Amino acid sequence: MSAELQAERQGDCLVLTISHPEARNTLTAAMCAAGLEALSTAQRDADIRAVVLTGTQGRFCGGLHQFDAIDGLNDWILALRDCAPLVVAAVDGEARGAGAALALACDLLVAAGDARLHLRDPLLPWLDVGGSQWLAGQLLPRPACNEALLLGLDGARLHGLGVVNRLCAGGAALPAALDLVDAAVASGHGRHKAPADLLATAPELHVHLARQGVPSSQRPSV
């Protein structure tokens, strides 16, 4: 199977599915570029009220697949944070490194109780890939953030800590996320969640991500 980011309209919602099952749904540079383009489309299309990000075959995202994807991932993370339509992560299985960053960058997070979030990326364990650790530090107490880095935290624990908005059964994250979107839209929310100055990404995240590049000297030759 090829690595791709699948995009599908479901009513007024755009569903983006990370699909790279033979490699734990890890991200390529092309997938990150597709994610950025999909969010640009959502910004321009007034009929799209929300975006849901999920993964295929019971797994959200296992991290980066290639070193060259990190710059595109950083751009995608910033776009998720600044996207006007509501953005919801639907997490089944693992969200590791880059995958954890994507989930934590979304406005709302729906997760299975046995889903697991790990902040360290297997490909680049010495870097804070996608700002997952920075984002977790904004949401979690320090001991819990350290545990997520060292051991990972499951969906049930993250729900108890207030990071996961809706907890669901395994394999049900996407329908649960779509139900949450329907409720938000029905209540008059969704697109344009808050004033632009409240939505803007903190400058500190821009600076932090800029420091997470991989020097060419550290990239293995292929």
Protein backbone atom coordinates (compact mmCIF):
# COMPACT_ATOMS: atom_id res chain seq x y z
CA MET A 1 0.00 0.00 0.00
CA SER A 2 1.14 3.55 -0.66
CA ALA A 3 1.50 6.24 1.98
CA GLU A 4 -1.19 8.87 1.60
CA LEU A 5 -3.40 11.31 3.42
CA GLN A 6 -6.96 10.51 2.37
CA ALA A 7 -9.48 13.37 2.27
CA GLU A 8 -13.23 12.79 2.26
CA ARG A 9 -16.17 15.13 2.69
CA GLN A 10 -18.84 13.94 5.11
CA GLY A 11 -21.54 16.59 5.07
CA ASP A 12 -19.99 19.85 6.21
CA CYS A 13 -16.99 18.06 7.69
CA LEU A 14 -13.66 17.25 5.99
CA VAL A 15 -12.23 13.93 7.24
CA LEU A 16 -8.47 13.49 6.82
CA THR A 17 -7.19 9.93 7.28
CA ILE A 18 -3.50 9.11 7.74
CA SER A 19 -2.96 5.94 5.72
CA HIS A 20 0.41 4.19 5.77
CA PRO A 21 -0.58 0.90 7.43
CA GLU A 22 2.48 -1.14 6.55
CA ALA A 23 4.63 1.41 8.44
CA ARG A 24 2.41 2.13 11.49
CA ASN A 25 0.85 5.15 9.75
CA THR A 26 4.14 7.05 9.89
CA LEU A 27 4.33 10.34 8.00
CA THR A 28 6.14 11.12 4.77
CA ALA A 29 6.94 14.60 3.51
CA ALA A 30 4.23 14.22 0.84
CA MET A 31 1.62 13.35 3.47
CA CYS A 32 2.51 16.43 5.52
CA ALA A 33 2.29 18.61 2.40
CA ALA A 34 -1.12 17.10 1.64
CA GLY A 35 -2.27 17.89 5.17
CA LEU A 36 -1.24 21.51 4.80
CA GLU A 37 -3.04 21.77 1.45
CA ALA A 38 -6.19 20.17 2.90
CA LEU A 39 -6.31 22.75 5.68
CA SER A 40 -5.82 25.52 3.14
CA THR A 41 -8.82 24.13 1.25
CA ALA A 42 -10.86 24.04 4.46
CA GLN A 43 -9.97 27.65 5.17
CA ARG A 44 -11.18 28.76 1.73
CA ASP A 45 -14.38 26.70 1.63
CA ALA A 46 -17.06 28.30 3.77
CA ASP A 47 -19.16 25.13 3.58
CA ILE A 48 -16.57 23.19 5.60
CA ARG A 49 -17.47 23.72 9.23
CA ALA A 50 -14.97 21.29 10.75
CA VAL A 51 -11.99 19.04 10.03
CA VAL A 52 -11.50 15.61 11.64
CA LEU A 53 -8.04 14.02 11.63
CA THR A 54 -7.78 10.25 12.12
CA GLY A 55 -5.75 7.20 11.11
CA THR A 56 -6.48 3.99 9.28
CA GLN A 57 -6.66 0.39 10.55
CA GLY A 58 -7.00 1.16 14.25
CA ARG A 59 -3.89 3.32 14.57
CA PHE A 60 -3.58 7.10 14.56
CA CYS A 61 0.07 7.81 13.67
CA GLY A 62 3.34 6.14 14.65
CA GLY A 63 5.56 9.19 14.08
CA LEU A 64 7.75 10.32 11.19
CA HIS A 65 8.70 7.95 8.39
CA GLN A 66 11.49 10.09 6.94
CA PHE A 67 13.76 12.87 8.16
CA ASP A 68 12.73 15.26 5.37
CA ALA A 69 9.15 15.29 6.64
CA ILE A 70 9.92 17.36 9.73
CA ASP A 71 9.67 20.79 8.08
CA GLY A 72 6.35 19.93 6.46
CA LEU A 73 5.11 18.53 9.77
CA ASN A 74 5.96 21.79 11.56
CA ASP A 75 4.02 23.77 8.95
CA TRP A 76 1.07 21.37 9.33
CA ILE A 77 1.12 21.73 13.14
CA LEU A 78 1.03 25.52 12.91
CA ALA A 79 -1.79 25.37 10.35
CA LEU A 80 -3.82 23.09 12.63
CA ARG A 81 -3.43 25.56 15.47
CA ASP A 82 -4.52 28.49 13.32
CA CYS A 83 -7.28 26.79 11.29
CA ALA A 84 -10.59 28.70 11.43
CA PRO A 85 -12.86 25.64 11.14
CA LEU A 86 -13.01 23.42 14.21
CA VAL A 87 -10.32 20.70 14.13
CA VAL A 88 -10.91 17.43 15.99
CA ALA A 89 -8.46 14.54 16.45
CA ALA A 90 -10.02 11.06 16.47
CA VAL A 91 -7.40 8.78 18.04
CA ASP A 92 -7.46 4.99 18.03
CA GLY A 93 -4.30 3.01 18.79
CA GLU A 94 -0.99 4.81 19.10
CA ALA A 95 -0.20 8.48 18.60
CA ARG A 96 3.58 8.61 18.83
CA GLY A 97 5.93 11.57 18.40
CA ALA A 98 4.70 13.37 15.30
CA GLY A 99 1.31 11.69 15.76
CA ALA A 100 1.06 12.95 19.35
CA ALA A 101 1.88 16.45 18.12
CA LEU A 102 -0.90 16.30 15.52
CA ALA A 103 -3.43 15.12 18.09
CA LEU A 104 -2.46 17.73 20.69
CA ALA A 105 -2.48 20.55 18.12
CA CYS A 106 -6.19 19.99 17.38
CA ASP A 107 -8.95 21.98 19.09
CA LEU A 108 -10.70 18.90 20.49
CA LEU A 109 -9.48 15.37 21.09
CA VAL A 110 -11.58 12.19 20.99
CA ALA A 111 -9.79 8.98 21.95
CA ALA A 112 -10.41 5.33 22.68
CA GLY A 113 -9.75 4.33 26.26
CA ASP A 114 -6.92 2.05 25.13
CA ALA A 115 -5.38 4.57 22.72
CA ARG A 116 -1.87 5.57 23.75
CA LEU A 117 0.00 8.83 23.39
CA HIS A 118 3.82 8.82 23.41
CA LEU A 119 5.69 12.11 23.14
CA ARG A 120 8.98 10.68 21.85
CA ASP A 121 9.26 10.05 18.10
CA PRO A 122 11.01 6.76 17.18
CA LEU A 123 12.78 8.30 14.17
CA LEU A 124 14.14 11.36 15.99
CA PRO A 125 14.07 10.55 19.71
CA TRP A 126 16.44 13.39 20.61
CA LEU A 127 14.13 16.08 19.16
CA ASP A 128 10.73 17.38 20.20
CA VAL A 129 9.19 16.37 16.86
CA GLY A 130 6.24 18.57 15.90
CA GLY A 131 6.38 20.20 19.32
CA SER A 132 4.59 17.28 20.98
CA GLN A 133 6.42 17.89 24.26
CA TRP A 134 5.84 21.64 24.07
CA LEU A 135 2.14 21.14 23.41
CA ALA A 136 1.83 18.55 26.19
CA GLY A 137 3.54 20.98 28.54
CA GLN A 138 0.71 23.47 27.95
CA LEU A 139 -1.93 20.87 28.84
CA LEU A 140 -0.46 18.47 31.40
CA PRO A 141 1.10 18.74 34.85
CA ARG A 142 4.85 18.21 34.74
CA PRO A 143 4.82 14.68 36.24
CA ALA A 144 2.18 13.54 33.74
CA CYS A 145 4.13 15.15 30.88
CA ASN A 146 7.25 13.25 31.97
CA GLU A 147 5.27 10.01 32.11
CA ALA A 148 3.91 10.62 28.60
CA LEU A 149 7.49 11.08 27.43
CA LEU A 150 8.92 8.03 29.18
CA LEU A 151 6.07 5.51 29.16
CA GLY A 152 3.10 7.00 27.31
CA LEU A 153 -0.39 7.75 28.62
CA ASP A 154 -3.56 5.97 27.58
CA GLY A 155 -6.79 7.62 26.52
CA ALA A 156 -8.55 6.96 29.80
CA ARG A 157 -5.77 8.66 31.78
CA LEU A 158 -5.70 11.60 29.38
CA HIS A 159 -9.47 11.97 29.74
CA GLY A 160 -9.07 12.11 33.51
CA LEU A 161 -6.45 14.82 33.09
CA GLY A 162 -8.78 16.88 30.88
CA VAL A 163 -6.80 16.50 27.64
CA VAL A 164 -9.27 14.13 25.94
CA ASN A 165 -12.73 15.66 25.47
CA ARG A 166 -14.61 12.45 24.69
CA LEU A 167 -13.66 8.89 25.59
CA CYS A 168 -14.95 6.04 23.43
CA ALA A 169 -14.58 2.32 22.81
CA GLY A 170 -11.70 1.01 20.72
CA GLY A 171 -12.29 1.52 17.01
CA ALA A 172 -15.01 4.12 17.59
CA ALA A 173 -12.97 7.33 17.66
CA LEU A 174 -14.04 8.56 14.21
CA PRO A 175 -17.82 8.21 14.69
CA ALA A 176 -17.50 9.70 18.17
CA ALA A 177 -15.58 12.66 16.73
CA LEU A 178 -18.21 13.18 14.02
CA ASP A 179 -20.92 13.16 16.71
CA LEU A 180 -18.99 15.81 18.62
CA VAL A 181 -18.70 17.92 15.47
CA ASP A 182 -22.44 17.59 14.84
CA ALA A 183 -23.14 18.79 18.39
CA ALA A 184 -20.80 21.76 17.99
CA VAL A 185 -22.31 22.77 14.66
CA ALA A 186 -25.86 22.35 15.97
CA SER A 187 -25.05 24.70 18.84
CA GLY A 188 -23.92 27.35 16.37
CA HIS A 189 -20.20 26.76 16.73
CA GLY A 190 -17.64 25.19 14.48
CA ARG A 191 -16.17 27.56 11.92
CA HIS A 192 -14.62 30.71 13.39
CA LYS A 193 -14.39 29.24 16.88
CA ALA A 194 -13.12 32.42 18.54
CA PRO A 195 -11.74 35.87 17.69
CA ALA A 196 -8.62 35.67 15.54
CA ASP A 197 -6.39 37.08 18.29
CA LEU A 198 -7.41 34.23 20.59
CA LEU A 199 -6.85 31.60 17.90
CA ALA A 200 -3.38 32.77 16.91
CA THR A 201 -0.60 30.34 17.70
CA ALA A 202 1.70 31.46 20.49
CA PRO A 203 4.95 32.92 19.08
CA GLU A 204 6.82 30.59 21.42
CA LEU A 205 5.64 27.57 19.43
CA HIS A 206 6.92 29.06 16.17
CA VAL A 207 10.33 29.63 17.76
CA HIS A 208 10.38 26.18 19.36
CA LEU A 209 9.58 24.38 16.11
CA ALA A 210 12.22 26.36 14.25
CA ARG A 211 14.78 24.91 16.64
CA GLN A 212 13.71 21.32 15.94
CA GLY A 213 15.12 21.04 12.43
CA VAL A 214 17.48 18.19 11.62
CA PRO A 215 20.95 19.43 10.52
CA SER A 216 22.08 17.83 7.30
CA SER A 217 25.11 16.42 9.12
CA GLN A 218 22.77 14.36 11.33
CA ARG A 219 20.68 12.97 8.50
CA PRO A 220 21.84 9.54 7.39
CA SER A 221 22.73 9.08 3.75
CA VAL A 222 20.31 6.89 1.77
